[in-house]
Amino acid sequence: MTRLSNRQYPMLREFASGRYMSYERARSFDQRPFRSMLVQEWIAYRPGSGFHITAKGKQAWEEFLSTEILRKSPWMPLTRYFDPTAYGLTAEKLSGIEKRLHIVKQHGAA
């Protein structure tokens, strides 16, 4: 799973459009995420053109954008760190919730 930090996300977003970035422009960004992208081979430098996103970078970006977060069984209880009874939610009030749920799958998802 691709995890992007609060600095990596905007940095990778700069490259996701597919445009090249000059050496001079690259120097204006925080170098921590920039270095990370080079080390992970998400970006590369092409002489005469500048820095660009690589196939690995595109894959990381797509994985980040398409990670599914919906539960397979949404009618199951929430995490044990949430006590519904503390908020007056009882089994009667919770019954039928699966009838009210409308799960939307992302385009192309099985």
PDB file of N, CA and C in Angstrom:
ATOM      1  N   MET A   1       0.837  -1.172   0.000  1.00  0.00           N
ATOM      2  CA  MET A   1       0.000   0.000   0.000  1.00  0.00           C
ATOM      3  C   MET A   1       0.890   1.245   0.000  1.00  0.00           C
ATOM      4  N   THR A   2       0.536   2.174  -0.828  1.00  0.00           N
ATOM      5  CA  THR A   2       1.275   3.424  -0.912  1.00  0.00           C
ATOM      6  C   THR A   2       0.819   4.373   0.187  1.00  0.00           C
ATOM      7  N   ARG A   3       1.770   4.864   0.937  1.00  0.00           N
ATOM      8  CA  ARG A   3       1.482   5.857   1.970  1.00  0.00           C
ATOM      9  C   ARG A   3       2.235   7.124   1.609  1.00  0.00           C
ATOM     10  N   LEU A   4       1.497   8.205   1.571  1.00  0.00           N
ATOM     11  CA  LEU A   4       2.110   9.491   1.262  1.00  0.00           C
ATOM     12  C   LEU A   4       2.005  10.395   2.474  1.00  0.00           C
ATOM     13  N   SER A   5       3.101  11.044   2.792  1.00  0.00           N
ATOM     14  CA  SER A   5       3.113  11.979   3.915  1.00  0.00           C
ATOM     15  C   SER A   5       2.445  13.290   3.497  1.00  0.00           C
ATOM     16  N   ASN A   6       2.295  14.164   4.466  1.00  0.00           N
ATOM     17  CA  ASN A   6       1.703  15.472   4.175  1.00  0.00           C
ATOM     18  C   ASN A   6       2.584  16.294   3.224  1.00  0.00           C
ATOM     19  N   ARG A   7       3.828  15.936   3.067  1.00  0.00           N
ATOM     20  CA  ARG A   7       4.708  16.620   2.114  1.00  0.00           C
ATOM     21  C   ARG A   7       4.803  15.863   0.789  1.00  0.00           C
ATOM     22  N   GLN A   8       4.751  14.538   0.864  1.00  0.00           N
ATOM     23  CA  GLN A   8       4.867  13.743  -0.359  1.00  0.00           C
ATOM     24  C   GLN A   8       3.658  13.917  -1.275  1.00  0.00           C
ATOM     25  N   TYR A   9       2.466  13.981  -0.688  1.00  0.00           N
ATOM     26  CA  TYR A   9       1.259  14.091  -1.517  1.00  0.00           C
ATOM     27  C   TYR A   9       1.312  15.310  -2.436  1.00  0.00           C
ATOM     28  N   PRO A  10       1.512  16.520  -1.901  1.00  0.00           N
ATOM     29  CA  PRO A  10       1.543  17.667  -2.819  1.00  0.00           C
ATOM     30  C   PRO A  10       2.722  17.611  -3.795  1.00  0.00           C
ATOM     31  N   MET A  11       3.828  16.996  -3.377  1.00  0.00           N
ATOM     32  CA  MET A  11       4.978  16.892  -4.275  1.00  0.00           C
ATOM     33  C   MET A  11       4.669  15.948  -5.430  1.00  0.00           C
ATOM     34  N   LEU A  12       4.095  14.789  -5.124  1.00  0.00           N
ATOM     35  CA  LEU A  12       3.769  13.843  -6.188  1.00  0.00           C
ATOM     36  C   LEU A  12       2.654  14.396  -7.078  1.00  0.00           C
ATOM     37  N   ARG A  13       1.735  15.156  -6.492  1.00  0.00           N
ATOM     38  CA  ARG A  13       0.662  15.783  -7.266  1.00  0.00           C
ATOM     39  C   ARG A  13       1.242  16.728  -8.321  1.00  0.00           C
ATOM     40  N   GLU A  14       2.339  17.419  -7.965  1.00  0.00           N
ATOM     41  CA  GLU A  14       3.007  18.305  -8.933  1.00  0.00           C
ATOM     42  C   GLU A  14       3.432  17.547 -10.196  1.00  0.00           C
ATOM     43  N   PHE A  15       3.808  16.294 -10.014  1.00  0.00           N
ATOM     44  CA  PHE A  15       4.302  15.504 -11.141  1.00  0.00           C
ATOM     45  C   PHE A  15       3.214  14.678 -11.818  1.00  0.00           C
ATOM     46  N   ALA A  16       2.103  14.449 -11.140  1.00  0.00           N
ATOM     47  CA  ALA A  16       1.056  13.560 -11.657  1.00  0.00           C
ATOM     48  C   ALA A  16       0.470  14.029 -12.988  1.00  0.00           C
ATOM     49  N   SER A  17       0.559  15.308 -13.263  1.00  0.00           N
ATOM     50  CA  SER A  17       0.027  15.835 -14.529  1.00  0.00           C
ATOM     51  C   SER A  17       0.858  15.385 -15.722  1.00  0.00           C
ATOM     52  N   GLY A  18       2.075  14.919 -15.449  1.00  0.00           N
ATOM     53  CA  GLY A  18       2.936  14.464 -16.533  1.00  0.00           C
ATOM     54  C   GLY A  18       3.861  15.533 -17.088  1.00  0.00           C
ATOM     55  N   ARG A  19       3.758  16.756 -16.554  1.00  0.00           N
ATOM     56  CA  ARG A  19       4.630  17.839 -17.030  1.00  0.00           C
ATOM     57  C   ARG A  19       6.033  17.677 -16.440  1.00  0.00           C
ATOM     58  N   TYR A  20       6.989  18.244 -17.124  1.00  0.00           N
ATOM     59  CA  TYR A  20       8.369  18.251 -16.637  1.00  0.00           C
ATOM     60  C   TYR A  20       8.580  19.432 -15.705  1.00  0.00           C
ATOM     61  N   MET A  21       9.517  19.260 -14.783  1.00  0.00           N
ATOM     62  CA  MET A  21       9.857  20.324 -13.843  1.00  0.00           C
ATOM     63  C   MET A  21      11.337  20.647 -14.016  1.00  0.00           C
ATOM     64  N   SER A  22      11.635  21.914 -14.178  1.00  0.00           N
ATOM     65  CA  SER A  22      13.023  22.328 -14.361  1.00  0.00           C
ATOM     66  C   SER A  22      13.816  22.168 -13.062  1.00  0.00           C
ATOM     67  N   TYR A  23      15.110  22.123 -13.209  1.00  0.00           N
ATOM     68  CA  TYR A  23      16.015  22.052 -12.055  1.00  0.00           C
ATOM     69  C   TYR A  23      15.793  23.262 -11.146  1.00  0.00           C
ATOM     70  N   GLU A  24      15.640  24.431 -11.754  1.00  0.00           N
ATOM     71  CA  GLU A  24      15.451  25.664 -10.990  1.00  0.00           C
ATOM     72  C   GLU A  24      14.139  25.623 -10.196  1.00  0.00           C
ATOM     73  N   ARG A  25      13.074  25.162 -10.824  1.00  0.00           N
ATOM     74  CA  ARG A  25      11.782  25.066 -10.127  1.00  0.00           C
ATOM     75  C   ARG A  25      11.850  24.021  -9.015  1.00  0.00           C
ATOM     76  N   ALA A  26      12.510  22.922  -9.266  1.00  0.00           N
ATOM     77  CA  ALA A  26      12.630  21.855  -8.267  1.00  0.00           C
ATOM     78  C   ALA A  26      13.313  22.364  -6.995  1.00  0.00           C
ATOM     79  N   ARG A  27      14.232  23.307  -7.156  1.00  0.00           N
ATOM     80  CA  ARG A  27      14.950  23.860  -5.998  1.00  0.00           C
ATOM     81  C   ARG A  27      14.040  24.679  -5.095  1.00  0.00           C
ATOM     82  N   SER A  28      12.892  25.114  -5.591  1.00  0.00           N
ATOM     83  CA  SER A  28      11.986  25.928  -4.783  1.00  0.00           C
ATOM     84  C   SER A  28      11.128  25.095  -3.825  1.00  0.00           C
ATOM     85  N   PHE A  29      11.140  23.787  -3.985  1.00  0.00           N
ATOM     86  CA  PHE A  29      10.330  22.911  -3.133  1.00  0.00           C
ATOM     87  C   PHE A  29      11.133  22.359  -1.962  1.00  0.00           C
ATOM     88  N   ASP A  30      10.416  22.008  -0.917  1.00  0.00           N
ATOM     89  CA  ASP A  30      11.009  21.322   0.239  1.00  0.00           C
ATOM     90  C   ASP A  30      11.722  20.080  -0.294  1.00  0.00           C
ATOM     91  N   GLN A  31      12.971  19.905   0.067  1.00  0.00           N
ATOM     92  CA  GLN A  31      13.760  18.819  -0.502  1.00  0.00           C
ATOM     93  C   GLN A  31      13.532  17.462   0.166  1.00  0.00           C
ATOM     94  N   ARG A  32      12.869  17.422   1.303  1.00  0.00           N
ATOM     95  CA  ARG A  32      12.611  16.133   1.955  1.00  0.00           C
ATOM     96  C   ARG A  32      11.712  15.241   1.100  1.00  0.00           C
ATOM     97  N   PRO A  33      10.551  15.713   0.650  1.00  0.00           N
ATOM     98  CA  PRO A  33       9.745  14.835  -0.199  1.00  0.00           C
ATOM     99  C   PRO A  33      10.367  14.651  -1.585  1.00  0.00           C
ATOM    100  N   PHE A  34      11.070  15.671  -2.048  1.00  0.00           N
ATOM    101  CA  PHE A  34      11.704  15.570  -3.363  1.00  0.00           C
ATOM    102  C   PHE A  34      12.746  14.452  -3.351  1.00  0.00           C
ATOM    103  N   ARG A  35      13.579  14.441  -2.311  1.00  0.00           N
ATOM    104  CA  ARG A  35      14.588  13.387  -2.172  1.00  0.00           C
ATOM    105  C   ARG A  35      13.924  12.021  -2.075  1.00  0.00           C
ATOM    106  N   SER A  36      12.852  11.945  -1.289  1.00  0.00           N
ATOM    107  CA  SER A  36      12.131  10.692  -1.116  1.00  0.00           C
ATOM    108  C   SER A  36      11.617  10.157  -2.455  1.00  0.00           C
ATOM    109  N   MET A  37      11.117  11.044  -3.285  1.00  0.00           N
ATOM    110  CA  MET A  37      10.599  10.636  -4.597  1.00  0.00           C
ATOM    111  C   MET A  37      11.731  10.120  -5.492  1.00  0.00           C
ATOM    112  N   LEU A  38      12.893  10.747  -5.402  1.00  0.00           N
ATOM    113  CA  LEU A  38      14.049  10.273  -6.177  1.00  0.00           C
ATOM    114  C   LEU A  38      14.508   8.904  -5.682  1.00  0.00           C
ATOM    115  N   VAL A  39      14.613   8.742  -4.364  1.00  0.00           N
ATOM    116  CA  VAL A  39      15.065   7.476  -3.775  1.00  0.00           C
ATOM    117  C   VAL A  39      14.111   6.338  -4.139  1.00  0.00           C
ATOM    118  N   GLN A  40      12.812   6.611  -4.090  1.00  0.00           N
ATOM    119  CA  GLN A  40      11.822   5.582  -4.411  1.00  0.00           C
ATOM    120  C   GLN A  40      11.636   5.394  -5.918  1.00  0.00           C
ATOM    121  N   GLU A  41      12.351   6.214  -6.690  1.00  0.00           N
ATOM    122  CA  GLU A  41      12.286   6.179  -8.151  1.00  0.00           C
ATOM    123  C   GLU A  41      10.888   6.507  -8.666  1.00  0.00           C
ATOM    124  N   TRP A  42      10.205   7.412  -7.971  1.00  0.00           N
ATOM    125  CA  TRP A  42       8.909   7.899  -8.429  1.00  0.00           C
ATOM    126  C   TRP A  42       9.089   9.051  -9.401  1.00  0.00           C
ATOM    127  N   ILE A  43      10.232   9.714  -9.336  1.00  0.00           N
ATOM    128  CA  ILE A  43      10.580  10.757 -10.295  1.00  0.00           C
ATOM    129  C   ILE A  43      12.004  10.505 -10.765  1.00  0.00           C
ATOM    130  N   ALA A  44      12.337  11.075 -11.902  1.00  0.00           N
ATOM    131  CA  ALA A  44      13.685  10.942 -12.459  1.00  0.00           C
ATOM    132  C   ALA A  44      14.000  12.228 -13.219  1.00  0.00           C
ATOM    133  N   TYR A  45      15.273  12.397 -13.536  1.00  0.00           N
ATOM    134  CA  TYR A  45      15.716  13.582 -14.276  1.00  0.00           C
ATOM    135  C   TYR A  45      16.068  13.182 -15.695  1.00  0.00           C
ATOM    136  N   ARG A  46      15.593  13.959 -16.651  1.00  0.00           N
ATOM    137  CA  ARG A  46      15.921  13.739 -18.056  1.00  0.00           C
ATOM    138  C   ARG A  46      16.645  14.990 -18.543  1.00  0.00           C
ATOM    139  N   PRO A  47      17.944  14.871 -18.886  1.00  0.00           N
ATOM    140  CA  PRO A  47      18.690  16.029 -19.372  1.00  0.00           C
ATOM    141  C   PRO A  47      17.982  16.704 -20.547  1.00  0.00           C
ATOM    142  N   GLY A  48      17.921  18.008 -20.467  1.00  0.00           N
ATOM    143  CA  GLY A  48      17.277  18.787 -21.520  1.00  0.00           C
ATOM    144  C   GLY A  48      15.781  18.979 -21.305  1.00  0.00           C
ATOM    145  N   SER A  49      15.182  18.163 -20.437  1.00  0.00           N
ATOM    146  CA  SER A  49      13.741  18.270 -20.182  1.00  0.00           C
ATOM    147  C   SER A  49      13.441  18.618 -18.735  1.00  0.00           C
ATOM    148  N   GLY A  50      14.103  17.939 -17.814  1.00  0.00           N
ATOM    149  CA  GLY A  50      13.891  18.189 -16.395  1.00  0.00           C
ATOM    150  C   GLY A  50      13.404  16.951 -15.666  1.00  0.00           C
ATOM    151  N   PHE A  51      12.847  17.158 -14.494  1.00  0.00           N
ATOM    152  CA  PHE A  51      12.348  16.056 -13.674  1.00  0.00           C
ATOM    153  C   PHE A  51      10.950  15.660 -14.156  1.00  0.00           C
ATOM    154  N   HIS A  52      10.660  14.369 -14.070  1.00  0.00           N
ATOM    155  CA  HIS A  52       9.360  13.869 -14.521  1.00  0.00           C
ATOM    156  C   HIS A  52       8.957  12.664 -13.673  1.00  0.00           C
ATOM    157  N   ILE A  53       7.683  12.348 -13.695  1.00  0.00           N
ATOM    158  CA  ILE A  53       7.181  11.190 -12.970  1.00  0.00           C
ATOM    159  C   ILE A  53       7.525   9.930 -13.768  1.00  0.00           C
ATOM    160  N   THR A  54       7.871   8.870 -13.053  1.00  0.00           N
ATOM    161  CA  THR A  54       8.214   7.601 -13.693  1.00  0.00           C
ATOM    162  C   THR A  54       7.000   6.663 -13.657  1.00  0.00           C
ATOM    163  N   ALA A  55       7.150   5.494 -14.253  1.00  0.00           N
ATOM    164  CA  ALA A  55       6.073   4.496 -14.203  1.00  0.00           C
ATOM    165  C   ALA A  55       5.794   4.103 -12.754  1.00  0.00           C
ATOM    166  N   LYS A  56       6.847   3.974 -11.943  1.00  0.00           N
ATOM    167  CA  LYS A  56       6.655   3.652 -10.518  1.00  0.00           C
ATOM    168  C   LYS A  56       5.915   4.776  -9.807  1.00  0.00           C
ATOM    169  N   GLY A  57       6.208   6.008 -10.171  1.00  0.00           N
ATOM    170  CA  GLY A  57       5.529   7.148  -9.583  1.00  0.00           C
ATOM    171  C   GLY A  57       4.057   7.186  -9.971  1.00  0.00           C
ATOM    172  N   LYS A  58       3.768   6.894 -11.232  1.00  0.00           N
ATOM    173  CA  LYS A  58       2.377   6.852 -11.683  1.00  0.00           C
ATOM    174  C   LYS A  58       1.614   5.745 -10.968  1.00  0.00           C
ATOM    175  N   GLN A  59       2.269   4.615 -10.787  1.00  0.00           N
ATOM    176  CA  GLN A  59       1.639   3.493 -10.085  1.00  0.00           C
ATOM    177  C   GLN A  59       1.334   3.877  -8.638  1.00  0.00           C
ATOM    178  N   ALA A  60       2.277   4.525  -7.967  1.00  0.00           N
ATOM    179  CA  ALA A  60       2.064   4.962  -6.581  1.00  0.00           C
ATOM    180  C   ALA A  60       0.913   5.957  -6.500  1.00  0.00           C
ATOM    181  N   TRP A  61       0.858   6.889  -7.444  1.00  0.00           N
ATOM    182  CA  TRP A  61      -0.204   7.894  -7.462  1.00  0.00           C
ATOM    183  C   TRP A  61      -1.565   7.234  -7.662  1.00  0.00           C
ATOM    184  N   GLU A  62      -1.657   6.339  -8.633  1.00  0.00           N
ATOM    185  CA  GLU A  62      -2.924   5.652  -8.912  1.00  0.00           C
ATOM    186  C   GLU A  62      -3.355   4.794  -7.726  1.00  0.00           C
ATOM    187  N   GLU A  63      -2.398   4.109  -7.100  1.00  0.00           N
ATOM    188  CA  GLU A  63      -2.724   3.287  -5.935  1.00  0.00           C
ATOM    189  C   GLU A  63      -3.239   4.167  -4.797  1.00  0.00           C
ATOM    190  N   PHE A  64      -2.614   5.300  -4.602  1.00  0.00           N
ATOM    191  CA  PHE A  64      -3.039   6.216  -3.548  1.00  0.00           C
ATOM    192  C   PHE A  64      -4.455   6.713  -3.803  1.00  0.00           C
ATOM    193  N   LEU A  65      -4.754   7.065  -5.033  1.00  0.00           N
ATOM    194  CA  LEU A  65      -6.072   7.606  -5.361  1.00  0.00           C
ATOM    195  C   LEU A  65      -7.181   6.563  -5.367  1.00  0.00           C
ATOM    196  N   SER A  66      -6.826   5.309  -5.607  1.00  0.00           N
ATOM    197  CA  SER A  66      -7.862   4.287  -5.763  1.00  0.00           C
ATOM    198  C   SER A  66      -7.972   3.314  -4.592  1.00  0.00           C
ATOM    199  N   THR A  67      -7.306   3.588  -3.493  1.00  0.00           N
ATOM    200  CA  THR A  67      -7.384   2.684  -2.350  1.00  0.00           C
ATOM    201  C   THR A  67      -8.809   2.669  -1.814  1.00  0.00           C
ATOM    202  N   GLU A  68      -9.386   1.477  -1.736  1.00  0.00           N
ATOM    203  CA  GLU A  68     -10.763   1.297  -1.272  1.00  0.00           C
ATOM    204  C   GLU A  68     -10.817   1.385   0.248  1.00  0.00           C
ATOM    205  N   ILE A  69     -11.793   2.110   0.766  1.00  0.00           N
ATOM    206  CA  ILE A  69     -11.918   2.233   2.218  1.00  0.00           C
ATOM    207  C   ILE A  69     -13.258   1.736   2.743  1.00  0.00           C
ATOM    208  N   LEU A  70     -14.137   1.244   1.860  1.00  0.00           N
ATOM    209  CA  LEU A  70     -15.427   0.745   2.305  1.00  0.00           C
ATOM    210  C   LEU A  70     -15.285  -0.645   2.921  1.00  0.00           C
ATOM    211  N   ARG A  71     -16.067  -0.915   3.934  1.00  0.00           N
ATOM    212  CA  ARG A  71     -16.068  -2.229   4.583  1.00  0.00           C
ATOM    213  C   ARG A  71     -16.838  -3.221   3.726  1.00  0.00           C
ATOM    214  N   LYS A  72     -16.464  -4.485   3.817  1.00  0.00           N
ATOM    215  CA  LYS A  72     -17.182  -5.540   3.118  1.00  0.00           C
ATOM    216  C   LYS A  72     -18.503  -5.835   3.822  1.00  0.00           C
ATOM    217  N   SER A  73     -18.552  -5.653   5.136  1.00  0.00           N
ATOM    218  CA  SER A  73     -19.755  -5.909   5.932  1.00  0.00           C
ATOM    219  C   SER A  73     -20.085  -4.681   6.775  1.00  0.00           C
ATOM    220  N   PRO A  74     -20.720  -3.677   6.193  1.00  0.00           N
ATOM    221  CA  PRO A  74     -20.968  -2.428   6.919  1.00  0.00           C
ATOM    222  C   PRO A  74     -21.959  -2.556   8.070  1.00  0.00           C
ATOM    223  N   TRP A  75     -22.709  -3.650   8.154  1.00  0.00           N
ATOM    224  CA  TRP A  75     -23.661  -3.833   9.248  1.00  0.00           C
ATOM    225  C   TRP A  75     -22.998  -4.395  10.504  1.00  0.00           C
ATOM    226  N   MET A  76     -21.752  -4.750  10.425  1.00  0.00           N
ATOM    227  CA  MET A  76     -21.021  -5.255  11.596  1.00  0.00           C
ATOM    228  C   MET A  76     -20.729  -4.082  12.538  1.00  0.00           C
ATOM    229  N   PRO A  77     -20.457  -4.385  13.815  1.00  0.00           N
ATOM    230  CA  PRO A  77     -20.193  -3.307  14.779  1.00  0.00           C
ATOM    231  C   PRO A  77     -18.976  -2.466  14.384  1.00  0.00           C
ATOM    232  N   LEU A  78     -18.982  -1.243  14.880  1.00  0.00           N
ATOM    233  CA  LEU A  78     -17.821  -0.380  14.678  1.00  0.00           C
ATOM    234  C   LEU A  78     -16.658  -0.910  15.510  1.00  0.00           C
ATOM    235  N   THR A  79     -15.560  -0.263  15.405  1.00  0.00           N
ATOM    236  CA  THR A  79     -14.388  -0.623  16.184  1.00  0.00           C
ATOM    237  C   THR A  79     -14.725  -0.734  17.667  1.00  0.00           C
ATOM    238  N   ARG A  80     -14.000  -1.570  18.379  1.00  0.00           N
ATOM    239  CA  ARG A  80     -14.277  -1.742  19.807  1.00  0.00           C
ATOM    240  C   ARG A  80     -13.937  -0.483  20.608  1.00  0.00           C
ATOM    241  N   TYR A  81     -13.284   0.470  19.987  1.00  0.00           N
ATOM    242  CA  TYR A  81     -12.950   1.725  20.662  1.00  0.00           C
ATOM    243  C   TYR A  81     -14.100   2.722  20.650  1.00  0.00           C
ATOM    244  N   PHE A  82     -15.224   2.324  20.056  1.00  0.00           N
ATOM    245  CA  PHE A  82     -16.415   3.167  20.064  1.00  0.00           C
ATOM    246  C   PHE A  82     -17.541   2.374  20.708  1.00  0.00           C
ATOM    247  N   ASP A  83     -18.106   2.915  21.787  1.00  0.00           N
ATOM    248  CA  ASP A  83     -19.195   2.258  22.496  1.00  0.00           C
ATOM    249  C   ASP A  83     -20.504   2.938  22.108  1.00  0.00           C
ATOM    250  N   PRO A  84     -21.325   2.299  21.268  1.00  0.00           N
ATOM    251  CA  PRO A  84     -22.559   2.941  20.825  1.00  0.00           C
ATOM    252  C   PRO A  84     -23.542   3.197  21.967  1.00  0.00           C
ATOM    253  N   THR A  85     -23.499   2.381  23.000  1.00  0.00           N
ATOM    254  CA  THR A  85     -24.426   2.579  24.126  1.00  0.00           C
ATOM    255  C   THR A  85     -24.119   3.862  24.886  1.00  0.00           C
ATOM    256  N   ALA A  86     -22.889   4.328  24.832  1.00  0.00           N
ATOM    257  CA  ALA A  86     -22.522   5.583  25.504  1.00  0.00           C
ATOM    258  C   ALA A  86     -23.227   6.777  24.857  1.00  0.00           C
ATOM    259  N   TYR A  87     -23.715   6.604  23.646  1.00  0.00           N
ATOM    260  CA  TYR A  87     -24.403   7.669  22.919  1.00  0.00           C
ATOM    261  C   TYR A  87     -25.881   7.363  22.726  1.00  0.00           C
ATOM    262  N   GLY A  88     -26.365   6.380  23.470  1.00  0.00           N
ATOM    263  CA  GLY A  88     -27.775   6.043  23.402  1.00  0.00           C
ATOM    264  C   GLY A  88     -28.176   5.256  22.171  1.00  0.00           C
ATOM    265  N   LEU A  89     -27.227   4.697  21.502  1.00  0.00           N
ATOM    266  CA  LEU A  89     -27.535   3.869  20.336  1.00  0.00           C
ATOM    267  C   LEU A  89     -27.739   2.436  20.815  1.00  0.00           C
ATOM    268  N   THR A  90     -28.927   1.942  20.638  1.00  0.00           N
ATOM    269  CA  THR A  90     -29.251   0.590  21.089  1.00  0.00           C
ATOM    270  C   THR A  90     -29.424  -0.324  19.893  1.00  0.00           C
ATOM    271  N   ALA A  91     -29.522  -1.618  20.178  1.00  0.00           N
ATOM    272  CA  ALA A  91     -29.696  -2.594  19.106  1.00  0.00           C
ATOM    273  C   ALA A  91     -30.951  -2.289  18.303  1.00  0.00           C
ATOM    274  N   GLU A  92     -32.032  -1.820  18.991  1.00  0.00           N
ATOM    275  CA  GLU A  92     -33.267  -1.499  18.275  1.00  0.00           C
ATOM    276  C   GLU A  92     -33.053  -0.336  17.311  1.00  0.00           C
ATOM    277  N   LYS A  93     -32.329   0.681  17.781  1.00  0.00           N
ATOM    278  CA  LYS A  93     -32.085   1.846  16.930  1.00  0.00           C
ATOM    279  C   LYS A  93     -31.147   1.512  15.780  1.00  0.00           C
ATOM    280  N   LEU A  94     -30.293   0.527  16.015  1.00  0.00           N
ATOM    281  CA  LEU A  94     -29.324   0.154  14.988  1.00  0.00           C
ATOM    282  C   LEU A  94     -29.876  -0.882  14.024  1.00  0.00           C
ATOM    283  N   SER A  95     -30.951  -1.576  14.415  1.00  0.00           N
ATOM    284  CA  SER A  95     -31.492  -2.618  13.542  1.00  0.00           C
ATOM    285  C   SER A  95     -32.018  -1.983  12.263  1.00  0.00           C
ATOM    286  N   GLY A  96     -31.838  -2.688  11.193  1.00  0.00           N
ATOM    287  CA  GLY A  96     -32.289  -2.192   9.901  1.00  0.00           C
ATOM    288  C   GLY A  96     -31.310  -1.255   9.225  1.00  0.00           C
ATOM    289  N   ILE A  97     -30.186  -1.004   9.857  1.00  0.00           N
ATOM    290  CA  ILE A  97     -29.216  -0.076   9.267  1.00  0.00           C
ATOM    291  C   ILE A  97     -28.742  -0.583   7.907  1.00  0.00           C
ATOM    292  N   GLU A  98     -28.602  -1.915   7.781  1.00  0.00           N
ATOM    293  CA  GLU A  98     -28.145  -2.448   6.501  1.00  0.00           C
ATOM    294  C   GLU A  98     -29.151  -2.167   5.387  1.00  0.00           C
ATOM    295  N   LYS A  99     -30.429  -1.969   5.742  1.00  0.00           N
ATOM    296  CA  LYS A  99     -31.439  -1.636   4.732  1.00  0.00           C
ATOM    297  C   LYS A  99     -31.259  -0.201   4.248  1.00  0.00           C
ATOM    298  N   ARG A 100     -30.729   0.664   5.115  1.00  0.00           N
ATOM    299  CA  ARG A 100     -30.561   2.073   4.757  1.00  0.00           C
ATOM    300  C   ARG A 100     -29.231   2.358   4.082  1.00  0.00           C
ATOM    301  N   LEU A 101     -28.302   1.410   4.150  1.00  0.00           N
ATOM    302  CA  LEU A 101     -26.991   1.632   3.557  1.00  0.00           C
ATOM    303  C   LEU A 101     -27.057   1.529   2.042  1.00  0.00           C
ATOM    304  N   HIS A 102     -26.408   2.420   1.412  1.00  0.00           N
ATOM    305  CA  HIS A 102     -26.294   2.395  -0.042  1.00  0.00           C
ATOM    306  C   HIS A 102     -24.813   2.446  -0.365  1.00  0.00           C
ATOM    307  N   ILE A 103     -24.275   1.329  -0.805  1.00  0.00           N
ATOM    308  CA  ILE A 103     -22.843   1.245  -1.074  1.00  0.00           C
ATOM    309  C   ILE A 103     -22.611   1.512  -2.545  1.00  0.00           C
ATOM    310  N   VAL A 104     -21.741   2.481  -2.818  1.00  0.00           N
ATOM    311  CA  VAL A 104     -21.400   2.847  -4.175  1.00  0.00           C
ATOM    312  C   VAL A 104     -19.994   2.352  -4.448  1.00  0.00           C
ATOM    313  N   LYS A 105     -19.857   1.492  -5.451  1.00  0.00           N
ATOM    314  CA  LYS A 105     -18.533   1.005  -5.814  1.00  0.00           C
ATOM    315  C   LYS A 105     -17.907   1.969  -6.804  1.00  0.00           C
ATOM    316  N   GLN A 106     -16.585   2.077  -6.719  1.00  0.00           N
ATOM    317  CA  GLN A 106     -15.888   2.944  -7.653  1.00  0.00           C
ATOM    318  C   GLN A 106     -15.985   2.373  -9.051  1.00  0.00           C
ATOM    319  N   HIS A 107     -15.955   3.244 -10.029  1.00  0.00           N
ATOM    320  CA  HIS A 107     -16.001   2.827 -11.431  1.00  0.00           C
ATOM    321  C   HIS A 107     -14.887   1.830 -11.707  1.00  0.00           C
ATOM    322  N   GLY A 108     -15.235   0.695 -12.251  1.00  0.00           N
ATOM    323  CA  GLY A 108     -14.236  -0.313 -12.595  1.00  0.00           C
ATOM    324  C   GLY A 108     -13.948  -1.286 -11.488  1.00  0.00           C
ATOM    325  N   ALA A 109     -14.514  -1.070 -10.293  1.00  0.00           N
ATOM    326  CA  ALA A 109     -14.275  -1.993  -9.185  1.00  0.00           C
ATOM    327  C   ALA A 109     -15.175  -3.212  -9.353  1.00  0.00           C
ATOM    328  N   ALA A 110     -14.664  -4.347  -8.948  1.00  0.00           N
ATOM    329  CA  ALA A 110     -15.447  -5.588  -9.062  1.00  0.00           C
ATOM    330  C   ALA A 110     -16.421  -5.720  -7.915  1.00  0.00           C
TER     331      ALA A 110
END
